[in-house]
Amino acid sequence: MSQTDNITGLLQAGMRAEQLRQMSIASNVANLDTPGYKTIRVKFEDLLGKALHSGDSSKANRINPELFSPENSPVKPNGNDVRLEDEIGKMVENNLKYTTYIRLLQKKYGQIDQAINIR
């Protein structure tokens, strides 16, 4: 697998994680007042780190983000643990990460295009 494929695969894996994270944030906000609802989060960065440190960079391209609910989050009287302020902050952070992945991918494809069109 080429270095370009590895980089492109990593960026695409990051974009998939941020898409899933956006859906989990939307679900959390939609269930803000649902009794007993537990916040959903996405685990990706830890999985990416383990894959990169394993020495097999092709594993990093195939990472699938995982959903989980935090264990020790403060719960409101109705059993719900969603905090709107946290979700808004995570939404902003998620948007910045996704935009960064898109720009890096555009740059990588631009480099490939330049290499192909050298005259």
PDB file of N, CA and C in Angstrom:
ATOM      1  N   MET A   1       0.847  -1.169   0.000  1.00  0.00           N
ATOM      2  CA  MET A   1       0.000   0.000   0.000  1.00  0.00           C
ATOM      3  C   MET A   1       0.898   1.240   0.000  1.00  0.00           C
ATOM      4  N   SER A   2       0.585   2.212  -0.845  1.00  0.00           N
ATOM      5  CA  SER A   2       1.433   3.398  -0.959  1.00  0.00           C
ATOM      6  C   SER A   2       1.182   4.373   0.189  1.00  0.00           C
ATOM      7  N   GLN A   3       2.138   5.261   0.367  1.00  0.00           N
ATOM      8  CA  GLN A   3       2.027   6.296   1.400  1.00  0.00           C
ATOM      9  C   GLN A   3       0.784   7.164   1.160  1.00  0.00           C
ATOM     10  N   THR A   4       0.500   7.466  -0.107  1.00  0.00           N
ATOM     11  CA  THR A   4      -0.683   8.272  -0.451  1.00  0.00           C
ATOM     12  C   THR A   4      -1.961   7.555  -0.051  1.00  0.00           C
ATOM     13  N   ASP A   5      -2.017   6.251  -0.315  1.00  0.00           N
ATOM     14  CA  ASP A   5      -3.197   5.473   0.081  1.00  0.00           C
ATOM     15  C   ASP A   5      -3.365   5.479   1.594  1.00  0.00           C
ATOM     16  N   ASN A   6      -2.259   5.353   2.324  1.00  0.00           N
ATOM     17  CA  ASN A   6      -2.316   5.367   3.787  1.00  0.00           C
ATOM     18  C   ASN A   6      -2.860   6.690   4.299  1.00  0.00           C
ATOM     19  N   ILE A   7      -2.337   7.789   3.782  1.00  0.00           N
ATOM     20  CA  ILE A   7      -2.774   9.118   4.233  1.00  0.00           C
ATOM     21  C   ILE A   7      -4.236   9.339   3.888  1.00  0.00           C
ATOM     22  N   THR A   8      -4.602   9.001   2.666  1.00  0.00           N
ATOM     23  CA  THR A   8      -5.992   9.166   2.235  1.00  0.00           C
ATOM     24  C   THR A   8      -6.923   8.305   3.089  1.00  0.00           C
ATOM     25  N   GLY A   9      -6.519   7.083   3.356  1.00  0.00           N
ATOM     26  CA  GLY A   9      -7.326   6.189   4.188  1.00  0.00           C
ATOM     27  C   GLY A   9      -7.499   6.715   5.604  1.00  0.00           C
ATOM     28  N   LEU A  10      -6.426   7.272   6.168  1.00  0.00           N
ATOM     29  CA  LEU A  10      -6.510   7.850   7.512  1.00  0.00           C
ATOM     30  C   LEU A  10      -7.465   9.037   7.543  1.00  0.00           C
ATOM     31  N   LEU A  11      -7.371   9.886   6.536  1.00  0.00           N
ATOM     32  CA  LEU A  11      -8.270  11.044   6.477  1.00  0.00           C
ATOM     33  C   LEU A  11      -9.718  10.607   6.317  1.00  0.00           C
ATOM     34  N   GLN A  12      -9.940   9.607   5.501  1.00  0.00           N
ATOM     35  CA  GLN A  12     -11.303   9.105   5.317  1.00  0.00           C
ATOM     36  C   GLN A  12     -11.834   8.456   6.592  1.00  0.00           C
ATOM     37  N   ALA A  13     -10.977   7.744   7.314  1.00  0.00           N
ATOM     38  CA  ALA A  13     -11.397   7.153   8.593  1.00  0.00           C
ATOM     39  C   ALA A  13     -11.772   8.251   9.580  1.00  0.00           C
ATOM     40  N   GLY A  14     -10.993   9.325   9.601  1.00  0.00           N
ATOM     41  CA  GLY A  14     -11.303  10.461  10.471  1.00  0.00           C
ATOM     42  C   GLY A  14     -12.625  11.097  10.110  1.00  0.00           C
ATOM     43  N   MET A  15     -12.884  11.221   8.826  1.00  0.00           N
ATOM     44  CA  MET A  15     -14.159  11.807   8.388  1.00  0.00           C
ATOM     45  C   MET A  15     -15.331  10.924   8.789  1.00  0.00           C
ATOM     46  N   ARG A  16     -15.163   9.605   8.664  1.00  0.00           N
ATOM     47  CA  ARG A  16     -16.239   8.689   9.095  1.00  0.00           C
ATOM     48  C   ARG A  16     -16.508   8.836  10.589  1.00  0.00           C
ATOM     49  N   ALA A  17     -15.438   8.973  11.360  1.00  0.00           N
ATOM     50  CA  ALA A  17     -15.598   9.133  12.810  1.00  0.00           C
ATOM     51  C   ALA A  17     -16.339  10.425  13.131  1.00  0.00           C
ATOM     52  N   GLU A  18     -15.988  11.504  12.445  1.00  0.00           N
ATOM     53  CA  GLU A  18     -16.646  12.786  12.716  1.00  0.00           C
ATOM     54  C   GLU A  18     -18.101  12.778  12.254  1.00  0.00           C
ATOM     55  N   GLN A  19     -18.404  12.064  11.180  1.00  0.00           N
ATOM     56  CA  GLN A  19     -19.805  11.936  10.756  1.00  0.00           C
ATOM     57  C   GLN A  19     -20.617  11.196  11.815  1.00  0.00           C
ATOM     58  N   LEU A  20     -20.064  10.108  12.327  1.00  0.00           N
ATOM     59  CA  LEU A  20     -20.745   9.354  13.381  1.00  0.00           C
ATOM     60  C   LEU A  20     -20.871  10.197  14.645  1.00  0.00           C
ATOM     61  N   ARG A  21     -19.834  10.951  14.956  1.00  0.00           N
ATOM     62  CA  ARG A  21     -19.866  11.816  16.129  1.00  0.00           C
ATOM     63  C   ARG A  21     -20.958  12.877  15.985  1.00  0.00           C
ATOM     64  N   GLN A  22     -21.120  13.437  14.794  1.00  0.00           N
ATOM     65  CA  GLN A  22     -22.166  14.432  14.565  1.00  0.00           C
ATOM     66  C   GLN A  22     -23.545  13.821  14.783  1.00  0.00           C
ATOM     67  N   MET A  23     -23.725  12.583  14.320  1.00  0.00           N
ATOM     68  CA  MET A  23     -25.012  11.909  14.518  1.00  0.00           C
ATOM     69  C   MET A  23     -25.257  11.629  15.999  1.00  0.00           C
ATOM     70  N   SER A  24     -24.214  11.267  16.740  1.00  0.00           N
ATOM     71  CA  SER A  24     -24.394  10.997  18.170  1.00  0.00           C
ATOM     72  C   SER A  24     -24.716  12.291  18.922  1.00  0.00           C
ATOM     73  N   ILE A  25     -24.090  13.391  18.539  1.00  0.00           N
ATOM     74  CA  ILE A  25     -24.388  14.679  19.166  1.00  0.00           C
ATOM     75  C   ILE A  25     -25.833  15.069  18.882  1.00  0.00           C
ATOM     76  N   ALA A  26     -26.266  14.898  17.637  1.00  0.00           N
ATOM     77  CA  ALA A  26     -27.659  15.215  17.277  1.00  0.00           C
ATOM     78  C   ALA A  26     -28.635  14.364  18.079  1.00  0.00           C
ATOM     79  N   SER A  27     -28.310  13.102  18.257  1.00  0.00           N
ATOM     80  CA  SER A  27     -29.164  12.213  19.052  1.00  0.00           C
ATOM     81  C   SER A  27     -29.215  12.674  20.507  1.00  0.00           C
ATOM     82  N   ASN A  28     -28.063  13.055  21.034  1.00  0.00           N
ATOM     83  CA  ASN A  28     -28.014  13.535  22.416  1.00  0.00           C
ATOM     84  C   ASN A  28     -28.876  14.781  22.596  1.00  0.00           C
ATOM     85  N   VAL A  29     -28.751  15.725  21.673  1.00  0.00           N
ATOM     86  CA  VAL A  29     -29.537  16.967  21.771  1.00  0.00           C
ATOM     87  C   VAL A  29     -31.026  16.665  21.615  1.00  0.00           C
ATOM     88  N   ALA A  30     -31.367  15.782  20.689  1.00  0.00           N
ATOM     89  CA  ALA A  30     -32.770  15.437  20.472  1.00  0.00           C
ATOM     90  C   ALA A  30     -33.391  14.789  21.710  1.00  0.00           C
ATOM     91  N   ASN A  31     -32.562  14.128  22.514  1.00  0.00           N
ATOM     92  CA  ASN A  31     -33.047  13.440  23.712  1.00  0.00           C
ATOM     93  C   ASN A  31     -32.713  14.181  24.999  1.00  0.00           C
ATOM     94  N   LEU A  32     -32.521  15.467  24.891  1.00  0.00           N
ATOM     95  CA  LEU A  32     -32.121  16.300  26.022  1.00  0.00           C
ATOM     96  C   LEU A  32     -33.028  16.120  27.240  1.00  0.00           C
ATOM     97  N   ASP A  33     -34.305  15.974  27.019  1.00  0.00           N
ATOM     98  CA  ASP A  33     -35.253  15.858  28.130  1.00  0.00           C
ATOM     99  C   ASP A  33     -35.894  14.469  28.237  1.00  0.00           C
ATOM    100  N   THR A  34     -35.368  13.487  27.534  1.00  0.00           N
ATOM    101  CA  THR A  34     -35.920  12.141  27.579  1.00  0.00           C
ATOM    102  C   THR A  34     -35.493  11.470  28.885  1.00  0.00           C
ATOM    103  N   PRO A  35     -36.444  11.082  29.715  1.00  0.00           N
ATOM    104  CA  PRO A  35     -36.086  10.433  30.980  1.00  0.00           C
ATOM    105  C   PRO A  35     -35.256   9.164  30.770  1.00  0.00           C
ATOM    106  N   GLY A  36     -34.179   9.047  31.508  1.00  0.00           N
ATOM    107  CA  GLY A  36     -33.344   7.860  31.469  1.00  0.00           C
ATOM    108  C   GLY A  36     -32.367   7.772  30.302  1.00  0.00           C
ATOM    109  N   TYR A  37     -32.388   8.750  29.410  1.00  0.00           N
ATOM    110  CA  TYR A  37     -31.492   8.701  28.251  1.00  0.00           C
ATOM    111  C   TYR A  37     -30.048   8.916  28.696  1.00  0.00           C
ATOM    112  N   LYS A  38     -29.143   8.122  28.140  1.00  0.00           N
ATOM    113  CA  LYS A  38     -27.713   8.247  28.436  1.00  0.00           C
ATOM    114  C   LYS A  38     -26.981   8.794  27.222  1.00  0.00           C
ATOM    115  N   THR A  39     -26.071   9.702  27.465  1.00  0.00           N
ATOM    116  CA  THR A  39     -25.271  10.322  26.417  1.00  0.00           C
ATOM    117  C   THR A  39     -24.513   9.266  25.619  1.00  0.00           C
ATOM    118  N   ILE A  40     -24.436   9.489  24.307  1.00  0.00           N
ATOM    119  CA  ILE A  40     -23.669   8.617  23.419  1.00  0.00           C
ATOM    120  C   ILE A  40     -22.421   9.380  22.970  1.00  0.00           C
ATOM    121  N   ARG A  41     -21.289   8.728  23.025  1.00  0.00           N
ATOM    122  CA  ARG A  41     -20.021   9.300  22.567  1.00  0.00           C
ATOM    123  C   ARG A  41     -19.388   8.352  21.548  1.00  0.00           C
ATOM    124  N   VAL A  42     -18.395   8.867  20.823  1.00  0.00           N
ATOM    125  CA  VAL A  42     -17.691   8.089  19.812  1.00  0.00           C
ATOM    126  C   VAL A  42     -16.239   7.906  20.237  1.00  0.00           C
ATOM    127  N   LYS A  43     -15.788   6.663  20.174  1.00  0.00           N
ATOM    128  CA  LYS A  43     -14.396   6.340  20.477  1.00  0.00           C
ATOM    129  C   LYS A  43     -13.674   6.151  19.143  1.00  0.00           C
ATOM    130  N   PHE A  44     -12.702   7.000  18.868  1.00  0.00           N
ATOM    131  CA  PHE A  44     -11.944   6.879  17.629  1.00  0.00           C
ATOM    132  C   PHE A  44     -10.455   7.141  17.848  1.00  0.00           C
ATOM    133  N   GLU A  45     -10.140   8.223  18.527  1.00  0.00           N
ATOM    134  CA  GLU A  45      -8.746   8.630  18.667  1.00  0.00           C
ATOM    135  C   GLU A  45      -7.904   7.562  19.374  1.00  0.00           C
ATOM    136  N   ASP A  46      -8.457   6.931  20.408  1.00  0.00           N
ATOM    137  CA  ASP A  46      -7.727   5.857  21.100  1.00  0.00           C
ATOM    138  C   ASP A  46      -7.460   4.684  20.159  1.00  0.00           C
ATOM    139  N   LEU A  47      -8.469   4.325  19.380  1.00  0.00           N
ATOM    140  CA  LEU A  47      -8.319   3.219  18.428  1.00  0.00           C
ATOM    141  C   LEU A  47      -7.285   3.563  17.359  1.00  0.00           C
ATOM    142  N   LEU A  48      -7.306   4.811  16.910  1.00  0.00           N
ATOM    143  CA  LEU A  48      -6.335   5.257  15.912  1.00  0.00           C
ATOM    144  C   LEU A  48      -4.916   5.192  16.472  1.00  0.00           C
ATOM    145  N   GLY A  49      -4.738   5.660  17.692  1.00  0.00           N
ATOM    146  CA  GLY A  49      -3.428   5.629  18.334  1.00  0.00           C
ATOM    147  C   GLY A  49      -2.888   4.218  18.458  1.00  0.00           C
ATOM    148  N   LYS A  50      -3.738   3.287  18.874  1.00  0.00           N
ATOM    149  CA  LYS A  50      -3.310   1.884  19.004  1.00  0.00           C
ATOM    150  C   LYS A  50      -2.912   1.307  17.652  1.00  0.00           C
ATOM    151  N   ALA A  51      -3.697   1.628  16.625  1.00  0.00           N
ATOM    152  CA  ALA A  51      -3.394   1.106  15.291  1.00  0.00           C
ATOM    153  C   ALA A  51      -2.080   1.673  14.766  1.00  0.00           C
ATOM    154  N   LEU A  52      -1.849   2.959  14.991  1.00  0.00           N
ATOM    155  CA  LEU A  52      -0.616   3.581  14.513  1.00  0.00           C
ATOM    156  C   LEU A  52       0.606   3.053  15.262  1.00  0.00           C
ATOM    157  N   HIS A  53       0.454   2.792  16.553  1.00  0.00           N
ATOM    158  CA  HIS A  53       1.577   2.293  17.345  1.00  0.00           C
ATOM    159  C   HIS A  53       1.835   0.789  17.136  1.00  0.00           C
ATOM    160  N   SER A  54       0.910   0.115  16.480  1.00  0.00           N
ATOM    161  CA  SER A  54       1.096  -1.321  16.231  1.00  0.00           C
ATOM    162  C   SER A  54       2.168  -1.579  15.176  1.00  0.00           C
ATOM    163  N   GLY A  55       2.485  -0.537  14.397  1.00  0.00           N
ATOM    164  CA  GLY A  55       3.491  -0.691  13.343  1.00  0.00           C
ATOM    165  C   GLY A  55       2.903  -1.084  12.005  1.00  0.00           C
ATOM    166  N   ASP A  56       1.653  -1.466  11.968  1.00  0.00           N
ATOM    167  CA  ASP A  56       0.998  -1.836  10.717  1.00  0.00           C
ATOM    168  C   ASP A  56       0.069  -0.695  10.318  1.00  0.00           C
ATOM    169  N   SER A  57       0.560   0.198   9.451  1.00  0.00           N
ATOM    170  CA  SER A  57      -0.211   1.391   9.101  1.00  0.00           C
ATOM    171  C   SER A  57      -1.480   1.051   8.323  1.00  0.00           C
ATOM    172  N   SER A  58      -1.541  -0.116   7.711  1.00  0.00           N
ATOM    173  CA  SER A  58      -2.755  -0.477   6.983  1.00  0.00           C
ATOM    174  C   SER A  58      -3.930  -0.704   7.935  1.00  0.00           C
ATOM    175  N   LYS A  59      -3.649  -1.059   9.203  1.00  0.00           N
ATOM    176  CA  LYS A  59      -4.714  -1.223  10.202  1.00  0.00           C
ATOM    177  C   LYS A  59      -5.418   0.102  10.472  1.00  0.00           C
ATOM    178  N   ALA A  60      -4.658   1.179  10.465  1.00  0.00           N
ATOM    179  CA  ALA A  60      -5.219   2.493  10.764  1.00  0.00           C
ATOM    180  C   ALA A  60      -6.273   2.898   9.745  1.00  0.00           C
ATOM    181  N   ASN A  61      -6.117   2.466   8.506  1.00  0.00           N
ATOM    182  CA  ASN A  61      -7.083   2.812   7.459  1.00  0.00           C
ATOM    183  C   ASN A  61      -8.424   2.118   7.648  1.00  0.00           C
ATOM    184  N   ARG A  62      -8.415   1.007   8.376  1.00  0.00           N
ATOM    185  CA  ARG A  62      -9.634   0.205   8.525  1.00  0.00           C
ATOM    186  C   ARG A  62     -10.307   0.386   9.883  1.00  0.00           C
ATOM    187  N   ILE A  63      -9.942   1.404  10.599  1.00  0.00           N
ATOM    188  CA  ILE A  63     -10.529   1.633  11.922  1.00  0.00           C
ATOM    189  C   ILE A  63     -11.993   2.024  11.779  1.00  0.00           C
ATOM    190  N   ASN A  64     -12.817   1.394  12.577  1.00  0.00           N
ATOM    191  CA  ASN A  64     -14.224   1.769  12.644  1.00  0.00           C
ATOM    192  C   ASN A  64     -14.485   2.380  14.007  1.00  0.00           C
ATOM    193  N   PRO A  65     -14.988   3.611  14.038  1.00  0.00           N
ATOM    194  CA  PRO A  65     -15.286   4.240  15.325  1.00  0.00           C
ATOM    195  C   PRO A  65     -16.344   3.445  16.079  1.00  0.00           C
ATOM    196  N   GLU A  66     -16.277   3.524  17.399  1.00  0.00           N
ATOM    197  CA  GLU A  66     -17.212   2.787  18.255  1.00  0.00           C
ATOM    198  C   GLU A  66     -18.049   3.754  19.077  1.00  0.00           C
ATOM    199  N   LEU A  67     -19.296   3.382  19.319  1.00  0.00           N
ATOM    200  CA  LEU A  67     -20.182   4.163  20.174  1.00  0.00           C
ATOM    201  C   LEU A  67     -20.125   3.616  21.597  1.00  0.00           C
ATOM    202  N   PHE A  68     -20.202   4.517  22.570  1.00  0.00           N
ATOM    203  CA  PHE A  68     -20.249   4.103  23.972  1.00  0.00           C
ATOM    204  C   PHE A  68     -20.955   5.180  24.782  1.00  0.00           C
ATOM    205  N   SER A  69     -21.365   4.824  25.986  1.00  0.00           N
ATOM    206  CA  SER A  69     -21.957   5.781  26.934  1.00  0.00           C
ATOM    207  C   SER A  69     -20.996   5.947  28.101  1.00  0.00           C
ATOM    208  N   PRO A  70     -20.620   7.184  28.429  1.00  0.00           N
ATOM    209  CA  PRO A  70     -19.727   7.406  29.569  1.00  0.00           C
ATOM    210  C   PRO A  70     -20.336   6.847  30.849  1.00  0.00           C
ATOM    211  N   GLU A  71     -19.498   6.283  31.697  1.00  0.00           N
ATOM    212  CA  GLU A  71     -19.962   5.625  32.919  1.00  0.00           C
ATOM    213  C   GLU A  71     -20.327   6.588  34.049  1.00  0.00           C
ATOM    214  N   ASN A  72     -19.485   7.549  34.328  1.00  0.00           N
ATOM    215  CA  ASN A  72     -19.639   8.367  35.536  1.00  0.00           C
ATOM    216  C   ASN A  72     -20.077   9.792  35.252  1.00  0.00           C
ATOM    217  N   SER A  73     -21.005   9.976  34.352  1.00  0.00           N
ATOM    218  CA  SER A  73     -21.473  11.337  34.079  1.00  0.00           C
ATOM    219  C   SER A  73     -22.584  11.712  35.064  1.00  0.00           C
ATOM    220  N   PRO A  74     -22.620  12.991  35.458  1.00  0.00           N
ATOM    221  CA  PRO A  74     -23.667  13.424  36.397  1.00  0.00           C
ATOM    222  C   PRO A  74     -25.063  13.260  35.787  1.00  0.00           C
ATOM    223  N   VAL A  75     -25.971  12.747  36.577  1.00  0.00           N
ATOM    224  CA  VAL A  75     -27.322  12.465  36.104  1.00  0.00           C
ATOM    225  C   VAL A  75     -28.302  13.452  36.727  1.00  0.00           C
ATOM    226  N   LYS A  76     -29.230  13.934  35.873  1.00  0.00           N
ATOM    227  CA  LYS A  76     -30.294  14.826  36.351  1.00  0.00           C
ATOM    228  C   LYS A  76     -31.363  13.997  37.076  1.00  0.00           C
ATOM    229  N   PRO A  77     -32.270  14.634  37.781  1.00  0.00           N
ATOM    230  CA  PRO A  77     -33.307  13.892  38.521  1.00  0.00           C
ATOM    231  C   PRO A  77     -34.129  12.916  37.668  1.00  0.00           C
ATOM    232  N   ASN A  78     -34.268  13.210  36.374  1.00  0.00           N
ATOM    233  CA  ASN A  78     -35.048  12.314  35.510  1.00  0.00           C
ATOM    234  C   ASN A  78     -34.210  11.154  34.953  1.00  0.00           C
ATOM    235  N   GLY A  79     -32.949  11.025  35.396  1.00  0.00           N
ATOM    236  CA  GLY A  79     -32.088   9.932  34.953  1.00  0.00           C
ATOM    237  C   GLY A  79     -31.330  10.210  33.669  1.00  0.00           C
ATOM    238  N   ASN A  80     -31.510  11.386  33.109  1.00  0.00           N
ATOM    239  CA  ASN A  80     -30.860  11.794  31.868  1.00  0.00           C
ATOM    240  C   ASN A  80     -29.530  12.468  32.205  1.00  0.00           C
ATOM    241  N   ASP A  81     -28.484  12.204  31.405  1.00  0.00           N
ATOM    242  CA  ASP A  81     -27.187  12.821  31.691  1.00  0.00           C
ATOM    243  C   ASP A  81     -26.698  13.781  30.594  1.00  0.00           C
ATOM    244  N   VAL A  82     -27.582  14.180  29.672  1.00  0.00           N
ATOM    245  CA  VAL A  82     -27.199  15.079  28.583  1.00  0.00           C
ATOM    246  C   VAL A  82     -27.148  16.522  29.090  1.00  0.00           C
ATOM    247  N   ARG A  83     -26.035  17.192  28.814  1.00  0.00           N
ATOM    248  CA  ARG A  83     -25.881  18.620  29.139  1.00  0.00           C
ATOM    249  C   ARG A  83     -25.745  19.367  27.828  1.00  0.00           C
ATOM    250  N   LEU A  84     -26.657  20.284  27.550  1.00  0.00           N
ATOM    251  CA  LEU A  84     -26.687  21.011  26.289  1.00  0.00           C
ATOM    252  C   LEU A  84     -25.375  21.760  26.042  1.00  0.00           C
ATOM    253  N   GLU A  85     -24.814  22.350  27.087  1.00  0.00           N
ATOM    254  CA  GLU A  85     -23.569  23.109  26.937  1.00  0.00           C
ATOM    255  C   GLU A  85     -22.445  22.201  26.421  1.00  0.00           C
ATOM    256  N   ASP A  86     -22.365  20.992  26.960  1.00  0.00           N
ATOM    257  CA  ASP A  86     -21.341  20.040  26.512  1.00  0.00           C
ATOM    258  C   ASP A  86     -21.552  19.661  25.049  1.00  0.00           C
ATOM    259  N   GLU A  87     -22.794  19.433  24.686  1.00  0.00           N
ATOM    260  CA  GLU A  87     -23.097  19.010  23.319  1.00  0.00           C
ATOM    261  C   GLU A  87     -22.787  20.124  22.319  1.00  0.00           C
ATOM    262  N   ILE A  88     -23.074  21.354  22.666  1.00  0.00           N
ATOM    263  CA  ILE A  88     -22.762  22.478  21.774  1.00  0.00           C
ATOM    264  C   ILE A  88     -21.250  22.596  21.588  1.00  0.00           C
ATOM    265  N   GLY A  89     -20.511  22.466  22.674  1.00  0.00           N
ATOM    266  CA  GLY A  89     -19.050  22.505  22.585  1.00  0.00           C
ATOM    267  C   GLY A  89     -18.517  21.382  21.718  1.00  0.00           C
ATOM    268  N   LYS A  90     -19.054  20.190  21.882  1.00  0.00           N
ATOM    269  CA  LYS A  90     -18.610  19.037  21.089  1.00  0.00           C
ATOM    270  C   LYS A  90     -18.984  19.219  19.619  1.00  0.00           C
ATOM    271  N   MET A  91     -20.136  19.859  19.362  1.00  0.00           N
ATOM    272  CA  MET A  91     -20.561  20.101  17.990  1.00  0.00           C
ATOM    273  C   MET A  91     -19.596  21.060  17.281  1.00  0.00           C
ATOM    274  N   VAL A  92     -19.191  22.109  17.968  1.00  0.00           N
ATOM    275  CA  VAL A  92     -18.245  23.063  17.391  1.00  0.00           C
ATOM    276  C   VAL A  92     -16.903  22.375  17.119  1.00  0.00           C
ATOM    277  N   GLU A  93     -16.416  21.622  18.100  1.00  0.00           N
ATOM    278  CA  GLU A  93     -15.154  20.901  17.944  1.00  0.00           C
ATOM    279  C   GLU A  93     -15.238  19.906  16.783  1.00  0.00           C
ATOM    280  N   ASN A  94     -16.338  19.195  16.698  1.00  0.00           N
ATOM    281  CA  ASN A  94     -16.537  18.218  15.644  1.00  0.00           C
ATOM    282  C   ASN A  94     -16.529  18.876  14.269  1.00  0.00           C
ATOM    283  N   ASN A  95     -17.193  20.008  14.153  1.00  0.00           N
ATOM    284  CA  ASN A  95     -17.239  20.732  12.888  1.00  0.00           C
ATOM    285  C   ASN A  95     -15.835  21.153  12.451  1.00  0.00           C
ATOM    286  N   LEU A  96     -15.035  21.625  13.392  1.00  0.00           N
ATOM    287  CA  LEU A  96     -13.666  22.034  13.068  1.00  0.00           C
ATOM    288  C   LEU A  96     -12.825  20.842  12.604  1.00  0.00           C
ATOM    289  N   LYS A  97     -12.966  19.713  13.277  1.00  0.00           N
ATOM    290  CA  LYS A  97     -12.211  18.523  12.886  1.00  0.00           C
ATOM    291  C   LYS A  97     -12.616  18.049  11.494  1.00  0.00           C
ATOM    292  N   TYR A  98     -13.915  17.999  11.248  1.00  0.00           N
ATOM    293  CA  TYR A  98     -14.397  17.528   9.946  1.00  0.00           C
ATOM    294  C   TYR A  98     -13.905  18.444   8.828  1.00  0.00           C
ATOM    295  N   THR A  99     -13.990  19.753   9.058  1.00  0.00           N
ATOM    296  CA  THR A  99     -13.508  20.726   8.077  1.00  0.00           C
ATOM    297  C   THR A  99     -12.018  20.540   7.819  1.00  0.00           C
ATOM    298  N   THR A 100     -11.259  20.273   8.862  1.00  0.00           N
ATOM    299  CA  THR A 100      -9.824  20.047   8.713  1.00  0.00           C
ATOM    300  C   THR A 100      -9.558  18.802   7.875  1.00  0.00           C
ATOM    301  N   TYR A 101     -10.269  17.723   8.150  1.00  0.00           N
ATOM    302  CA  TYR A 101     -10.099  16.500   7.361  1.00  0.00           C
ATOM    303  C   TYR A 101     -10.403  16.762   5.877  1.00  0.00           C
ATOM    304  N   ILE A 102     -11.464  17.491   5.617  1.00  0.00           N
ATOM    305  CA  ILE A 102     -11.847  17.804   4.229  1.00  0.00           C
ATOM    306  C   ILE A 102     -10.744  18.604   3.544  1.00  0.00           C
ATOM    307  N   ARG A 103     -10.243  19.616   4.232  1.00  0.00           N
ATOM    308  CA  ARG A 103      -9.195  20.458   3.626  1.00  0.00           C
ATOM    309  C   ARG A 103      -7.919  19.666   3.376  1.00  0.00           C
ATOM    310  N   LEU A 104      -7.549  18.801   4.302  1.00  0.00           N
ATOM    311  CA  LEU A 104      -6.352  17.979   4.106  1.00  0.00           C
ATOM    312  C   LEU A 104      -6.541  17.017   2.935  1.00  0.00           C
ATOM    313  N   LEU A 105      -7.726  16.447   2.823  1.00  0.00           N
ATOM    314  CA  LEU A 105      -8.010  15.544   1.719  1.00  0.00           C
ATOM    315  C   LEU A 105      -7.997  16.295   0.384  1.00  0.00           C
ATOM    316  N   GLN A 106      -8.557  17.498   0.359  1.00  0.00           N
ATOM    317  CA  GLN A 106      -8.520  18.317  -0.858  1.00  0.00           C
ATOM    318  C   GLN A 106      -7.075  18.618  -1.250  1.00  0.00           C
ATOM    319  N   LYS A 107      -6.251  18.937  -0.265  1.00  0.00           N
ATOM    320  CA  LYS A 107      -4.841  19.239  -0.529  1.00  0.00           C
ATOM    321  C   LYS A 107      -4.134  18.004  -1.091  1.00  0.00           C
ATOM    322  N   LYS A 108      -4.389  16.847  -0.512  1.00  0.00           N
ATOM    323  CA  LYS A 108      -3.768  15.611  -0.977  1.00  0.00           C
ATOM    324  C   LYS A 108      -4.188  15.327  -2.414  1.00  0.00           C
ATOM    325  N   TYR A 109      -5.483  15.462  -2.729  1.00  0.00           N
ATOM    326  CA  TYR A 109      -5.937  15.232  -4.102  1.00  0.00           C
ATOM    327  C   TYR A 109      -5.360  16.287  -5.053  1.00  0.00           C
ATOM    328  N   GLY A 110      -5.193  17.513  -4.584  1.00  0.00           N
ATOM    329  CA  GLY A 110      -4.564  18.559  -5.385  1.00  0.00           C
ATOM    330  C   GLY A 110      -3.125  18.204  -5.720  1.00  0.00           C
ATOM    331  N   GLN A 111      -2.406  17.634  -4.756  1.00  0.00           N
ATOM    332  CA  GLN A 111      -1.027  17.205  -4.999  1.00  0.00           C
ATOM    333  C   GLN A 111      -0.979  16.081  -6.032  1.00  0.00           C
ATOM    334  N   ILE A 112      -1.900  15.154  -5.924  1.00  0.00           N
ATOM    335  CA  ILE A 112      -1.960  14.046  -6.887  1.00  0.00           C
ATOM    336  C   ILE A 112      -2.248  14.599  -8.283  1.00  0.00           C
ATOM    337  N   ASP A 113      -3.198  15.527  -8.361  1.00  0.00           N
ATOM    338  CA  ASP A 113      -3.548  16.138  -9.644  1.00  0.00           C
ATOM    339  C   ASP A 113      -2.349  16.868 -10.241  1.00  0.00           C
ATOM    340  N   GLN A 114      -1.613  17.601  -9.424  1.00  0.00           N
ATOM    341  CA  GLN A 114      -0.418  18.307  -9.905  1.00  0.00           C
ATOM    342  C   GLN A 114       0.624  17.325 -10.420  1.00  0.00           C
ATOM    343  N   ALA A 115       0.821  16.236  -9.697  1.00  0.00           N
ATOM    344  CA  ALA A 115       1.801  15.235 -10.123  1.00  0.00           C
ATOM    345  C   ALA A 115       1.413  14.614 -11.460  1.00  0.00           C
ATOM    346  N   ILE A 116       0.144  14.385 -11.666  1.00  0.00           N
ATOM    347  CA  ILE A 116      -0.324  13.780 -12.910  1.00  0.00           C
ATOM    348  C   ILE A 116      -0.193  14.766 -14.065  1.00  0.00           C
ATOM    349  N   ASN A 117      -0.437  16.036 -13.816  1.00  0.00           N
ATOM    350  CA  ASN A 117      -0.486  17.035 -14.878  1.00  0.00           C
ATOM    351  C   ASN A 117       0.807  17.818 -15.062  1.00  0.00           C
ATOM    352  N   ILE A 118       1.925  17.318 -14.594  1.00  0.00           N
ATOM    353  CA  ILE A 118       3.208  17.997 -14.796  1.00  0.00           C
ATOM    354  C   ILE A 118       3.550  17.913 -16.282  1.00  0.00           C
ATOM    355  N   ARG A 119       3.942  19.075 -16.825  1.00  0.00           N
ATOM    356  CA  ARG A 119       4.295  19.116 -18.263  1.00  0.00           C
ATOM    357  C   ARG A 119       5.670  19.661 -18.435  1.00  0.00           C
TER     358      ARG A 119
END
